[in-house]
PDB file of N, CA and C in Angstrom:
ATOM      1  N   UNK A   1      41.131 -34.593 -48.822  1.00  0.00           N
ATOM      2  CA  UNK A   1      39.720 -33.916 -48.182  1.00  0.00           C
ATOM      3  C   UNK A   1      38.871 -33.567 -49.034  1.00  0.00           C
ATOM      4  N   UNK A   2      37.615 -34.001 -48.932  1.00  0.00           N
ATOM      5  CA  UNK A   2      36.346 -33.601 -49.673  1.00  0.00           C
ATOM      6  C   UNK A   2      36.037 -32.230 -49.617  1.00  0.00           C
ATOM      7  N   UNK A   3      35.661 -31.741 -50.776  1.00  0.00           N
ATOM      8  CA  UNK A   3      35.312 -30.349 -50.448  1.00  0.00           C
ATOM      9  C   UNK A   3      33.838 -30.409 -49.945  1.00  0.00           C
ATOM     10  N   UNK A   4      33.171 -29.608 -48.888  1.00  0.00           N
ATOM     11  CA  UNK A   4      31.814 -29.659 -48.332  1.00  0.00           C
ATOM     12  C   UNK A   4      31.655 -27.916 -48.446  1.00  0.00           C
ATOM     13  N   UNK A   5      32.006 -27.166 -49.335  1.00  0.00           N
ATOM     14  CA  UNK A   5      31.754 -25.717 -48.933  1.00  0.00           C
ATOM     15  C   UNK A   5      31.073 -25.099 -50.329  1.00  0.00           C
ATOM     16  N   UNK A   6      29.900 -24.959 -50.577  1.00  0.00           N
ATOM     17  CA  UNK A   6      29.240 -24.123 -51.782  1.00  0.00           C
ATOM     18  C   UNK A   6      29.958 -22.916 -52.216  1.00  0.00           C
ATOM     19  N   UNK A   7      30.003 -22.397 -53.266  1.00  0.00           N
ATOM     20  CA  UNK A   7      30.101 -20.995 -53.614  1.00  0.00           C
ATOM     21  C   UNK A   7      29.568 -19.731 -52.414  1.00  0.00           C
ATOM     22  N   UNK A   8      28.352 -19.866 -52.381  1.00  0.00           N
ATOM     23  CA  UNK A   8      27.786 -18.950 -51.419  1.00  0.00           C
ATOM     24  C   UNK A   8      28.476 -18.958 -50.070  1.00  0.00           C
ATOM     25  N   UNK A   9      28.779 -19.906 -49.531  1.00  0.00           N
ATOM     26  CA  UNK A   9      29.367 -20.298 -48.119  1.00  0.00           C
ATOM     27  C   UNK A   9      30.834 -19.686 -48.223  1.00  0.00           C
ATOM     28  N   UNK A  10      31.440 -19.983 -49.443  1.00  0.00           N
ATOM     29  CA  UNK A  10      32.978 -19.581 -49.592  1.00  0.00           C
ATOM     30  C   UNK A  10      32.960 -17.999 -49.855  1.00  0.00           C
ATOM     31  N   UNK A  11      31.927 -17.360 -50.675  1.00  0.00           N
ATOM     32  CA  UNK A  11      31.949 -15.917 -51.008  1.00  0.00           C
ATOM     33  C   UNK A  11      31.358 -15.123 -49.615  1.00  0.00           C
ATOM     34  N   UNK A  12      30.731 -15.759 -48.832  1.00  0.00           N
ATOM     35  CA  UNK A  12      30.298 -15.166 -47.533  1.00  0.00           C
ATOM     36  C   UNK A  12      31.283 -14.717 -46.504  1.00  0.00           C
ATOM     37  N   UNK A  13      32.260 -16.030 -46.648  1.00  0.00           N
ATOM     38  CA  UNK A  13      33.426 -15.985 -45.654  1.00  0.00           C
ATOM     39  C   UNK A  13      34.399 -15.031 -46.157  1.00  0.00           C
ATOM     40  N   UNK A  14      34.786 -14.880 -47.536  1.00  0.00           N
ATOM     41  CA  UNK A  14      35.713 -14.110 -48.071  1.00  0.00           C
ATOM     42  C   UNK A  14      34.936 -12.529 -47.731  1.00  0.00           C
ATOM     43  N   UNK A  15      33.722 -12.082 -47.785  1.00  0.00           N
ATOM     44  CA  UNK A  15      33.423 -11.000 -47.386  1.00  0.00           C
ATOM     45  C   UNK A  15      33.755 -10.752 -45.926  1.00  0.00           C
ATOM     46  N   UNK A  16      33.381 -11.681 -45.138  1.00  0.00           N
ATOM     47  CA  UNK A  16      33.780 -11.618 -43.686  1.00  0.00           C
ATOM     48  C   UNK A  16      35.517 -10.907 -43.432  1.00  0.00           C
ATOM     49  N   UNK A  17      36.016 -11.613 -44.158  1.00  0.00           N
ATOM     50  CA  UNK A  17      37.420 -11.672 -43.895  1.00  0.00           C
ATOM     51  C   UNK A  17      37.815 -10.001 -44.507  1.00  0.00           C
ATOM     52  N   UNK A  18      37.144  -9.610 -45.640  1.00  0.00           N
ATOM     53  CA  UNK A  18      37.683  -8.301 -46.213  1.00  0.00           C
ATOM     54  C   UNK A  18      37.067  -7.112 -44.823  1.00  0.00           C
ATOM     55  N   UNK A  19      35.760  -7.551 -44.416  1.00  0.00           N
ATOM     56  CA  UNK A  19      35.438  -6.615 -43.594  1.00  0.00           C
ATOM     57  C   UNK A  19      36.333  -6.617 -42.276  1.00  0.00           C
ATOM     58  N   UNK A  20      36.534  -7.752 -41.845  1.00  0.00           N
ATOM     59  CA  UNK A  20      37.371  -7.663 -40.760  1.00  0.00           C
ATOM     60  C   UNK A  20      38.936  -6.847 -40.776  1.00  0.00           C
ATOM     61  N   UNK A  21      39.740  -7.126 -42.164  1.00  0.00           N
ATOM     62  CA  UNK A  21      40.416  -6.632 -42.597  1.00  0.00           C
ATOM     63  C   UNK A  21      40.497  -4.902 -42.857  1.00  0.00           C
ATOM     64  N   UNK A  22      39.291  -4.639 -43.200  1.00  0.00           N
ATOM     65  CA  UNK A  22      39.112  -3.110 -43.430  1.00  0.00           C
ATOM     66  C   UNK A  22      38.865  -2.616 -42.002  1.00  0.00           C
ATOM     67  N   UNK A  23      38.033  -3.283 -41.030  1.00  0.00           N
ATOM     68  CA  UNK A  23      37.988  -2.908 -39.702  1.00  0.00           C
ATOM     69  C   UNK A  23      39.368  -2.373 -38.949  1.00  0.00           C
ATOM     70  N   UNK A  24      40.143  -3.529 -39.369  1.00  0.00           N
ATOM     71  CA  UNK A  24      41.369  -3.601 -38.658  1.00  0.00           C
ATOM     72  C   UNK A  24      42.196  -2.336 -39.132  1.00  0.00           C
ATOM     73  N   UNK A  25      42.170  -2.234 -40.357  1.00  0.00           N
ATOM     74  CA  UNK A  25      42.879  -1.162 -41.228  1.00  0.00           C
ATOM     75  C   UNK A  25      42.684   0.287 -40.662  1.00  0.00           C
ATOM     76  N   UNK A  26      41.254   0.089 -40.409  1.00  0.00           N
ATOM     77  CA  UNK A  26      40.510   1.892 -39.932  1.00  0.00           C
ATOM     78  C   UNK A  26      40.900   1.888 -38.875  1.00  0.00           C
ATOM     79  N   UNK A  27      41.525   1.141 -37.562  1.00  0.00           N
ATOM     80  CA  UNK A  27      41.756   1.203 -36.312  1.00  0.00           C
ATOM     81  C   UNK A  27      40.485   0.975 -35.232  1.00  0.00           C
ATOM     82  N   UNK A  28      39.488   0.416 -36.044  1.00  0.00           N
ATOM     83  CA  UNK A  28      38.569   0.099 -35.382  1.00  0.00           C
ATOM     84  C   UNK A  28      38.502  -1.255 -34.310  1.00  0.00           C
ATOM     85  N   UNK A  29      39.293  -2.097 -34.707  1.00  0.00           N
ATOM     86  CA  UNK A  29      39.715  -3.241 -34.086  1.00  0.00           C
ATOM     87  C   UNK A  29      41.467  -2.911 -33.246  1.00  0.00           C
ATOM     88  N   UNK A  30      41.212  -3.367 -31.870  1.00  0.00           N
ATOM     89  CA  UNK A  30      42.551  -3.654 -31.436  1.00  0.00           C
ATOM     90  C   UNK A  30      42.656  -4.487 -30.158  1.00  0.00           C
ATOM     91  N   UNK A  31      43.753  -4.832 -29.789  1.00  0.00           N
ATOM     92  CA  UNK A  31      43.915  -5.534 -28.463  1.00  0.00           C
ATOM     93  C   UNK A  31      43.303  -7.139 -28.463  1.00  0.00           C
ATOM     94  N   UNK A  32      42.764  -7.646 -27.749  1.00  0.00           N
ATOM     95  CA  UNK A  32      42.464  -9.087 -27.845  1.00  0.00           C
ATOM     96  C   UNK A  32      41.496  -9.404 -28.717  1.00  0.00           C
ATOM     97  N   UNK A  33      40.551  -8.355 -29.062  1.00  0.00           N
ATOM     98  CA  UNK A  33      39.435  -8.612 -30.182  1.00  0.00           C
ATOM     99  C   UNK A  33      39.938  -8.705 -31.460  1.00  0.00           C
ATOM    100  N   UNK A  34      40.927  -7.811 -31.609  1.00  0.00           N
ATOM    101  CA  UNK A  34      42.054  -7.679 -33.094  1.00  0.00           C
ATOM    102  C   UNK A  34      42.705  -9.232 -33.192  1.00  0.00           C
ATOM    103  N   UNK A  35      43.097  -9.719 -32.325  1.00  0.00           N
ATOM    104  CA  UNK A  35      43.698 -10.869 -32.346  1.00  0.00           C
ATOM    105  C   UNK A  35      42.838 -12.139 -32.429  1.00  0.00           C
ATOM    106  N   UNK A  36      41.564 -12.220 -31.949  1.00  0.00           N
ATOM    107  CA  UNK A  36      40.416 -13.023 -31.983  1.00  0.00           C
ATOM    108  C   UNK A  36      40.002 -13.117 -33.409  1.00  0.00           C
ATOM    109  N   UNK A  37      39.572 -12.009 -33.657  1.00  0.00           N
ATOM    110  CA  UNK A  37      39.249 -11.694 -35.121  1.00  0.00           C
ATOM    111  C   UNK A  37      39.996 -12.111 -36.350  1.00  0.00           C
ATOM    112  N   UNK A  38      41.221 -11.892 -36.192  1.00  0.00           N
ATOM    113  CA  UNK A  38      42.258 -11.947 -37.036  1.00  0.00           C
ATOM    114  C   UNK A  38      42.422 -13.578 -37.447  1.00  0.00           C
ATOM    115  N   UNK A  39      42.520 -14.162 -36.378  1.00  0.00           N
ATOM    116  CA  UNK A  39      42.436 -15.768 -36.053  1.00  0.00           C
ATOM    117  C   UNK A  39      41.397 -16.251 -36.688  1.00  0.00           C
ATOM    118  N   UNK A  40      39.975 -15.557 -36.465  1.00  0.00           N
ATOM    119  CA  UNK A  40      38.949 -16.102 -37.524  1.00  0.00           C
ATOM    120  C   UNK A  40      39.126 -15.669 -38.922  1.00  0.00           C
ATOM    121  N   UNK A  41      39.392 -14.664 -39.112  1.00  0.00           N
ATOM    122  CA  UNK A  41      39.524 -14.108 -40.531  1.00  0.00           C
ATOM    123  C   UNK A  41      40.633 -15.204 -41.397  1.00  0.00           C
ATOM    124  N   UNK A  42      41.530 -15.417 -40.673  1.00  0.00           N
ATOM    125  CA  UNK A  42      42.853 -16.389 -41.411  1.00  0.00           C
ATOM    126  C   UNK A  42      42.172 -17.920 -41.604  1.00  0.00           C
ATOM    127  N   UNK A  43      41.248 -18.092 -40.508  1.00  0.00           N
ATOM    128  CA  UNK A  43      40.676 -19.485 -40.761  1.00  0.00           C
ATOM    129  C   UNK A  43      39.746 -19.591 -41.824  1.00  0.00           C
ATOM    130  N   UNK A  44      38.772 -18.466 -41.996  1.00  0.00           N
ATOM    131  CA  UNK A  44      37.738 -18.173 -42.838  1.00  0.00           C
ATOM    132  C   UNK A  44      38.617 -18.189 -44.287  1.00  0.00           C
ATOM    133  N   UNK A  45      39.687 -17.364 -44.418  1.00  0.00           N
ATOM    134  CA  UNK A  45      40.384 -17.422 -45.886  1.00  0.00           C
ATOM    135  C   UNK A  45      40.791 -18.751 -45.819  1.00  0.00           C
ATOM    136  N   UNK A  46      41.507 -19.348 -45.521  1.00  0.00           N
ATOM    137  CA  UNK A  46      41.963 -20.780 -45.669  1.00  0.00           C
ATOM    138  C   UNK A  46      40.852 -21.598 -46.160  1.00  0.00           C
ATOM    139  N   UNK A  47      39.918 -21.802 -45.192  1.00  0.00           N
ATOM    140  CA  UNK A  47      38.841 -22.884 -45.538  1.00  0.00           C
ATOM    141  C   UNK A  47      38.204 -22.529 -46.827  1.00  0.00           C
ATOM    142  N   UNK A  48      38.031 -20.955 -47.092  1.00  0.00           N
ATOM    143  CA  UNK A  48      37.550 -20.769 -48.409  1.00  0.00           C
ATOM    144  C   UNK A  48      38.127 -21.094 -49.418  1.00  0.00           C
ATOM    145  N   UNK A  49      39.703 -20.917 -49.599  1.00  0.00           N
ATOM    146  CA  UNK A  49      40.605 -21.119 -50.536  1.00  0.00           C
ATOM    147  C   UNK A  49      40.657 -22.683 -51.021  1.00  0.00           C
ATOM    148  N   UNK A  50      40.444 -23.483 -49.897  1.00  0.00           N
ATOM    149  CA  UNK A  50      40.526 -25.072 -49.851  1.00  0.00           C
ATOM    150  C   UNK A  50      39.021 -25.353 -50.097  1.00  0.00           C
ATOM    151  N   UNK A  51      38.242 -24.758 -49.765  1.00  0.00           N
ATOM    152  CA  UNK A  51      36.775 -25.160 -50.046  1.00  0.00           C
ATOM    153  C   UNK A  51      36.331 -26.403 -49.125  1.00  0.00           C
ATOM    154  N   UNK A  52      37.101 -26.285 -48.104  1.00  0.00           N
ATOM    155  CA  UNK A  52      36.519 -27.440 -47.118  1.00  0.00           C
ATOM    156  C   UNK A  52      36.645 -26.985 -46.013  1.00  0.00           C
ATOM    157  N   UNK A  53      35.464 -27.220 -44.920  1.00  0.00           N
ATOM    158  CA  UNK A  53      35.201 -26.483 -43.617  1.00  0.00           C
ATOM    159  C   UNK A  53      35.464 -27.794 -42.475  1.00  0.00           C
ATOM    160  N   UNK A  54      36.530 -28.169 -41.710  1.00  0.00           N
ATOM    161  CA  UNK A  54      36.678 -29.020 -41.018  1.00  0.00           C
ATOM    162  C   UNK A  54      35.691 -29.108 -39.633  1.00  0.00           C
ATOM    163  N   UNK A  55      34.882 -27.877 -39.547  1.00  0.00           N
ATOM    164  CA  UNK A  55      34.090 -28.222 -38.778  1.00  0.00           C
ATOM    165  C   UNK A  55      32.652 -28.741 -39.145  1.00  0.00           C
ATOM    166  N   UNK A  56      32.550 -28.698 -40.383  1.00  0.00           N
ATOM    167  CA  UNK A  56      31.359 -29.220 -40.798  1.00  0.00           C
ATOM    168  C   UNK A  56      31.348 -30.954 -40.913  1.00  0.00           C
ATOM    169  N   UNK A  57      32.576 -31.382 -40.891  1.00  0.00           N
ATOM    170  CA  UNK A  57      33.295 -32.631 -41.155  1.00  0.00           C
ATOM    171  C   UNK A  57      32.515 -33.935 -40.098  1.00  0.00           C
ATOM    172  N   UNK A  58      32.613 -33.451 -38.975  1.00  0.00           N
ATOM    173  CA  UNK A  58      32.098 -34.201 -37.898  1.00  0.00           C
ATOM    174  C   UNK A  58      30.595 -34.504 -38.058  1.00  0.00           C
ATOM    175  N   UNK A  59      29.983 -33.523 -38.301  1.00  0.00           N
ATOM    176  CA  UNK A  59      28.385 -33.513 -38.565  1.00  0.00           C
ATOM    177  C   UNK A  59      27.913 -34.039 -40.026  1.00  0.00           C
ATOM    178  N   UNK A  60      28.707 -34.376 -40.756  1.00  0.00           N
ATOM    179  CA  UNK A  60      28.336 -34.511 -42.072  1.00  0.00           C
ATOM    180  C   UNK A  60      27.957 -33.358 -42.858  1.00  0.00           C
ATOM    181  N   UNK A  61      27.974 -32.379 -42.810  1.00  0.00           N
ATOM    182  CA  UNK A  61      27.485 -30.932 -43.077  1.00  0.00           C
ATOM    183  C   UNK A  61      28.188 -30.817 -44.722  1.00  0.00           C
ATOM    184  N   UNK A  62      27.265 -30.074 -45.533  1.00  0.00           N
ATOM    185  CA  UNK A  62      27.964 -29.721 -46.745  1.00  0.00           C
ATOM    186  C   UNK A  62      26.908 -28.354 -46.969  1.00  0.00           C
ATOM    187  N   UNK A  63      27.382 -27.549 -47.823  1.00  0.00           N
ATOM    188  CA  UNK A  63      26.891 -26.432 -48.597  1.00  0.00           C
ATOM    189  C   UNK A  63      26.995 -26.389 -49.832  1.00  0.00           C
ATOM    190  N   UNK A  64      27.765 -27.538 -50.221  1.00  0.00           N
ATOM    191  CA  UNK A  64      27.903 -27.658 -51.722  1.00  0.00           C
ATOM    192  C   UNK A  64      26.957 -28.849 -52.269  1.00  0.00           C
ATOM    193  N   UNK A  65      26.355 -28.192 -53.504  1.00  0.00           N
ATOM    194  CA  UNK A  65      25.281 -28.873 -54.171  1.00  0.00           C
ATOM    195  C   UNK A  65      25.242 -30.276 -54.369  1.00  0.00           C
ATOM    196  N   UNK A  66      24.636 -31.053 -54.437  1.00  0.00           N
ATOM    197  CA  UNK A  66      24.315 -32.461 -54.909  1.00  0.00           C
ATOM    198  C   UNK A  66      25.117 -32.471 -56.474  1.00  0.00           C
ATOM    199  N   UNK A  67      26.420 -32.826 -56.753  1.00  0.00           N
ATOM    200  CA  UNK A  67      26.719 -32.989 -58.161  1.00  0.00           C
ATOM    201  C   UNK A  67      27.196 -34.510 -58.393  1.00  0.00           C
TER     202      UNK A  67
END
């Protein structure tokens, strides 16, 4: 898969993952909302680690600089 995420995009997603994790551990999230945000956090973590966002592919989007 072609990498289509820039460093800023990846860092932002990791910050969101950490924020969701902290909110969950502090007890601010529970029930259905916790499950939904947990799935979002898992997707953000995975896409940040591999550097590819499948949602960008159909639209030809990329936040990665032109190198």
